[in-house]
Structures are given as structure tokens and as C-alpha cells.
Amino acid sequence: MKICGKCDQPLQDGEKYTKHPIAGSSYGGDTVYRHVDECRPVPIQTTQDSVYH
């Protein structure tokens, strides 16, 4: 099963996607797949929730 590297959703049969190979020095490397059509990125927490101002 292929998973989109941007939205973490599975790529369905017939859905267009792009391949982005990532070279690895100590292993064969990986391939990241991404939807061609716009998808919503997974939210990324950049600071702690408990930071007080």
C-alpha cells in the first residue's frame, strides 16, 4: 500500500501521484509518494502545548 508523504492518507487505485526517491548511504533508500492533486498536510506541532507567555 502506498501512503502520501504529505497527508498520510493511502493512495487509491487510479489516483495520480508522484514519486520522490530518497537515496540512503547505508541502505537501498526509500521512495516517498505524494498526491498530484492538492491534499491537506498533517498538522505538525512546532512548540510544546505547555509554553507560557
PDB file of N, CA and C in Angstrom:
ATOM      1  N   MET A   1       0.841  -1.165   0.000  1.00  0.00           N
ATOM      2  CA  MET A   1       0.000   0.000   0.000  1.00  0.00           C
ATOM      3  C   MET A   1       0.895   1.240   0.000  1.00  0.00           C
ATOM      4  N   LYS A   2       0.556   2.201  -0.838  1.00  0.00           N
ATOM      5  CA  LYS A   2       1.316   3.446  -0.918  1.00  0.00           C
ATOM      6  C   LYS A   2       0.608   4.512  -0.088  1.00  0.00           C
ATOM      7  N   ILE A   3       1.384   5.262   0.687  1.00  0.00           N
ATOM      8  CA  ILE A   3       0.866   6.317   1.558  1.00  0.00           C
ATOM      9  C   ILE A   3       1.439   7.648   1.100  1.00  0.00           C
ATOM     10  N   CYS A   4       0.606   8.678   1.045  1.00  0.00           N
ATOM     11  CA  CYS A   4       1.061  10.015   0.663  1.00  0.00           C
ATOM     12  C   CYS A   4       1.968  10.567   1.760  1.00  0.00           C
ATOM     13  N   GLY A   5       3.123  11.091   1.375  1.00  0.00           N
ATOM     14  CA  GLY A   5       4.071  11.653   2.330  1.00  0.00           C
ATOM     15  C   GLY A   5       3.658  13.002   2.868  1.00  0.00           C
ATOM     16  N   LYS A   6       2.620  13.603   2.308  1.00  0.00           N
ATOM     17  CA  LYS A   6       2.171  14.921   2.764  1.00  0.00           C
ATOM     18  C   LYS A   6       0.979  14.817   3.709  1.00  0.00           C
ATOM     19  N   CYS A   7      -0.009  13.999   3.347  1.00  0.00           N
ATOM     20  CA  CYS A   7      -1.233  13.934   4.158  1.00  0.00           C
ATOM     21  C   CYS A   7      -1.388  12.618   4.921  1.00  0.00           C
ATOM     22  N   ASP A   8      -0.482  11.669   4.738  1.00  0.00           N
ATOM     23  CA  ASP A   8      -0.520  10.363   5.410  1.00  0.00           C
ATOM     24  C   ASP A   8      -1.770   9.547   5.095  1.00  0.00           C
ATOM     25  N   GLN A   9      -2.405   9.791   3.951  1.00  0.00           N
ATOM     26  CA  GLN A   9      -3.574   9.027   3.528  1.00  0.00           C
ATOM     27  C   GLN A   9      -3.152   8.039   2.438  1.00  0.00           C
ATOM     28  N   PRO A  10      -3.821   6.891   2.359  1.00  0.00           N
ATOM     29  CA  PRO A  10      -3.460   5.922   1.320  1.00  0.00           C
ATOM     30  C   PRO A  10      -3.783   6.441  -0.072  1.00  0.00           C
ATOM     31  N   LEU A  11      -2.983   6.033  -1.039  1.00  0.00           N
ATOM     32  CA  LEU A  11      -3.231   6.357  -2.443  1.00  0.00           C
ATOM     33  C   LEU A  11      -4.150   5.280  -3.004  1.00  0.00           C
ATOM     34  N   GLN A  12      -5.293   5.699  -3.529  1.00  0.00           N
ATOM     35  CA  GLN A  12      -6.291   4.772  -4.059  1.00  0.00           C
ATOM     36  C   GLN A  12      -5.916   4.351  -5.480  1.00  0.00           C
ATOM     37  N   ASP A  13      -6.468   3.224  -5.924  1.00  0.00           N
ATOM     38  CA  ASP A  13      -6.252   2.751  -7.296  1.00  0.00           C
ATOM     39  C   ASP A  13      -6.739   3.805  -8.282  1.00  0.00           C
ATOM     40  N   GLY A  14      -5.933   4.118  -9.280  1.00  0.00           N
ATOM     41  CA  GLY A  14      -6.291   5.097 -10.294  1.00  0.00           C
ATOM     42  C   GLY A  14      -5.988   6.532  -9.914  1.00  0.00           C
ATOM     43  N   GLU A  15      -5.591   6.778  -8.676  1.00  0.00           N
ATOM     44  CA  GLU A  15      -5.273   8.130  -8.230  1.00  0.00           C
ATOM     45  C   GLU A  15      -3.876   8.513  -8.721  1.00  0.00           C
ATOM     46  N   LYS A  16      -3.707   9.736  -9.176  1.00  0.00           N
ATOM     47  CA  LYS A  16      -2.409  10.181  -9.672  1.00  0.00           C
ATOM     48  C   LYS A  16      -1.508  10.553  -8.499  1.00  0.00           C
ATOM     49  N   TYR A  17      -0.222  10.181  -8.630  1.00  0.00           N
ATOM     50  CA  TYR A  17       0.755  10.502  -7.593  1.00  0.00           C
ATOM     51  C   TYR A  17       2.115  10.708  -8.231  1.00  0.00           C
ATOM     52  N   THR A  18       3.017  11.320  -7.469  1.00  0.00           N
ATOM     53  CA  THR A  18       4.395  11.494  -7.919  1.00  0.00           C
ATOM     54  C   THR A  18       5.304  10.684  -7.012  1.00  0.00           C
ATOM     55  N   LYS A  19       6.454  10.282  -7.552  1.00  0.00           N
ATOM     56  CA  LYS A  19       7.459   9.528  -6.794  1.00  0.00           C
ATOM     57  C   LYS A  19       8.654  10.428  -6.534  1.00  0.00           C
ATOM     58  N   HIS A  20       9.179  10.377  -5.317  1.00  0.00           N
ATOM     59  CA  HIS A  20      10.370  11.132  -4.957  1.00  0.00           C
ATOM     60  C   HIS A  20      11.352  10.167  -4.295  1.00  0.00           C
ATOM     61  N   PRO A  21      12.344   9.662  -5.038  1.00  0.00           N
ATOM     62  CA  PRO A  21      13.309   8.733  -4.447  1.00  0.00           C
ATOM     63  C   PRO A  21      14.230   9.452  -3.464  1.00  0.00           C
ATOM     64  N   ILE A  22      14.526   8.784  -2.355  1.00  0.00           N
ATOM     65  CA  ILE A  22      15.439   9.311  -1.343  1.00  0.00           C
ATOM     66  C   ILE A  22      16.582   8.316  -1.226  1.00  0.00           C
ATOM     67  N   ALA A  23      17.780   8.765  -1.556  1.00  0.00           N
ATOM     68  CA  ALA A  23      18.955   7.886  -1.523  1.00  0.00           C
ATOM     69  C   ALA A  23      19.401   7.674  -0.078  1.00  0.00           C
ATOM     70  N   GLY A  24      19.868   6.478   0.202  1.00  0.00           N
ATOM     71  CA  GLY A  24      20.409   6.156   1.516  1.00  0.00           C
ATOM     72  C   GLY A  24      21.827   5.642   1.373  1.00  0.00           C
ATOM     73  N   SER A  25      22.709   6.073   2.262  1.00  0.00           N
ATOM     74  CA  SER A  25      24.109   5.659   2.146  1.00  0.00           C
ATOM     75  C   SER A  25      24.345   4.257   2.694  1.00  0.00           C
ATOM     76  N   SER A  26      23.560   3.839   3.697  1.00  0.00           N
ATOM     77  CA  SER A  26      23.794   2.529   4.289  1.00  0.00           C
ATOM     78  C   SER A  26      22.709   1.518   3.921  1.00  0.00           C
ATOM     79  N   TYR A  27      21.756   1.928   3.096  1.00  0.00           N
ATOM     80  CA  TYR A  27      20.704   1.017   2.653  1.00  0.00           C
ATOM     81  C   TYR A  27      20.248   1.445   1.262  1.00  0.00           C
ATOM     82  N   GLY A  28      19.339   0.723   0.683  1.00  0.00           N
ATOM     83  CA  GLY A  28      18.911   0.986  -0.689  1.00  0.00           C
ATOM     84  C   GLY A  28      18.169   2.285  -0.904  1.00  0.00           C
ATOM     85  N   GLY A  29      17.654   2.883   0.151  1.00  0.00           N
ATOM     86  CA  GLY A  29      16.905   4.125   0.026  1.00  0.00           C
ATOM     87  C   GLY A  29      15.410   3.885   0.091  1.00  0.00           C
ATOM     88  N   ASP A  30      14.662   4.962   0.047  1.00  0.00           N
ATOM     89  CA  ASP A  30      13.207   4.913   0.130  1.00  0.00           C
ATOM     90  C   ASP A  30      12.606   5.697  -1.023  1.00  0.00           C
ATOM     91  N   THR A  31      11.327   5.548  -1.198  1.00  0.00           N
ATOM     92  CA  THR A  31      10.583   6.348  -2.167  1.00  0.00           C
ATOM     93  C   THR A  31       9.397   6.963  -1.444  1.00  0.00           C
ATOM     94  N   VAL A  32       9.251   8.277  -1.559  1.00  0.00           N
ATOM     95  CA  VAL A  32       8.116   8.986  -0.978  1.00  0.00           C
ATOM     96  C   VAL A  32       7.120   9.243  -2.098  1.00  0.00           C
ATOM     97  N   TYR A  33       5.862   8.959  -1.836  1.00  0.00           N
ATOM     98  CA  TYR A  33       4.786   9.186  -2.796  1.00  0.00           C
ATOM     99  C   TYR A  33       3.957  10.372  -2.326  1.00  0.00           C
ATOM    100  N   ARG A  34       3.489  11.189  -3.272  1.00  0.00           N
ATOM    101  CA  ARG A  34       2.630  12.331  -2.942  1.00  0.00           C
ATOM    102  C   ARG A  34       1.515  12.432  -3.961  1.00  0.00           C
ATOM    103  N   HIS A  35       0.323  12.830  -3.481  1.00  0.00           N
ATOM    104  CA  HIS A  35      -0.802  13.073  -4.383  1.00  0.00           C
ATOM    105  C   HIS A  35      -0.442  14.170  -5.374  1.00  0.00           C
ATOM    106  N   VAL A  36      -0.898  14.044  -6.619  1.00  0.00           N
ATOM    107  CA  VAL A  36      -0.739  15.112  -7.608  1.00  0.00           C
ATOM    108  C   VAL A  36      -1.732  16.223  -7.288  1.00  0.00           C
ATOM    109  N   ASP A  37      -2.976  15.834  -6.980  1.00  0.00           N
ATOM    110  CA  ASP A  37      -3.990  16.810  -6.601  1.00  0.00           C
ATOM    111  C   ASP A  37      -3.700  17.306  -5.186  1.00  0.00           C
ATOM    112  N   GLU A  38      -4.162  18.501  -4.898  1.00  0.00           N
ATOM    113  CA  GLU A  38      -3.905  19.120  -3.588  1.00  0.00           C
ATOM    114  C   GLU A  38      -4.488  18.264  -2.466  1.00  0.00           C
ATOM    115  N   CYS A  39      -3.696  18.041  -1.438  1.00  0.00           N
ATOM    116  CA  CYS A  39      -4.166  17.319  -0.260  1.00  0.00           C
ATOM    117  C   CYS A  39      -3.782  18.133   0.974  1.00  0.00           C
ATOM    118  N   ARG A  40      -4.409  17.821   2.090  1.00  0.00           N
ATOM    119  CA  ARG A  40      -4.164  18.580   3.316  1.00  0.00           C
ATOM    120  C   ARG A  40      -3.001  17.959   4.078  1.00  0.00           C
ATOM    121  N   PRO A  41      -1.970  18.755   4.387  1.00  0.00           N
ATOM    122  CA  PRO A  41      -0.849  18.208   5.142  1.00  0.00           C
ATOM    123  C   PRO A  41      -1.254  17.875   6.574  1.00  0.00           C
ATOM    124  N   VAL A  42      -0.562  16.926   7.158  1.00  0.00           N
ATOM    125  CA  VAL A  42      -0.788  16.553   8.543  1.00  0.00           C
ATOM    126  C   VAL A  42      -0.286  17.690   9.422  1.00  0.00           C
ATOM    127  N   PRO A  43      -1.077  18.125  10.437  1.00  0.00           N
ATOM    128  CA  PRO A  43      -0.599  19.198  11.310  1.00  0.00           C
ATOM    129  C   PRO A  43       0.654  18.765  12.069  1.00  0.00           C
ATOM    130  N   ILE A  44       1.606  19.666  12.168  1.00  0.00           N
ATOM    131  CA  ILE A  44       2.865  19.387  12.861  1.00  0.00           C
ATOM    132  C   ILE A  44       2.982  20.328  14.048  1.00  0.00           C
ATOM    133  N   GLN A  45       3.191  19.765  15.230  1.00  0.00           N
ATOM    134  CA  GLN A  45       3.349  20.576  16.430  1.00  0.00           C
ATOM    135  C   GLN A  45       4.773  21.116  16.457  1.00  0.00           C
ATOM    136  N   THR A  46       4.917  22.446  16.474  1.00  0.00           N
ATOM    137  CA  THR A  46       6.248  23.052  16.449  1.00  0.00           C
ATOM    138  C   THR A  46       6.699  23.534  17.815  1.00  0.00           C
ATOM    139  N   THR A  47       5.788  23.692  18.763  1.00  0.00           N
ATOM    140  CA  THR A  47       6.150  24.078  20.132  1.00  0.00           C
ATOM    141  C   THR A  47       5.368  23.212  21.101  1.00  0.00           C
ATOM    142  N   GLN A  48       5.787  23.236  22.352  1.00  0.00           N
ATOM    143  CA  GLN A  48       5.083  22.487  23.378  1.00  0.00           C
ATOM    144  C   GLN A  48       3.757  23.170  23.689  1.00  0.00           C
ATOM    145  N   ASP A  49       2.775  22.382  24.098  1.00  0.00           N
ATOM    146  CA  ASP A  49       1.481  22.949  24.488  1.00  0.00           C
ATOM    147  C   ASP A  49       1.570  23.719  25.794  1.00  0.00           C
ATOM    148  N   SER A  50       2.537  23.396  26.630  1.00  0.00           N
ATOM    149  CA  SER A  50       2.610  23.987  27.963  1.00  0.00           C
ATOM    150  C   SER A  50       3.509  25.221  28.035  1.00  0.00           C
ATOM    151  N   VAL A  51       3.847  25.834  26.902  1.00  0.00           N
ATOM    152  CA  VAL A  51       4.685  27.029  26.919  1.00  0.00           C
ATOM    153  C   VAL A  51       3.839  28.204  27.390  1.00  0.00           C
ATOM    154  N   TYR A  52       4.310  28.892  28.434  1.00  0.00           N
ATOM    155  CA  TYR A  52       3.590  30.042  28.979  1.00  0.00           C
ATOM    156  C   TYR A  52       4.200  31.325  28.457  1.00  0.00           C
ATOM    157  N   HIS A  53       3.371  32.319  28.183  1.00  0.00           N
ATOM    158  CA  HIS A  53       3.856  33.608  27.694  1.00  0.00           C
ATOM    159  C   HIS A  53       3.784  34.633  28.781  1.00  0.00           C
TER     160      HIS A  53
END
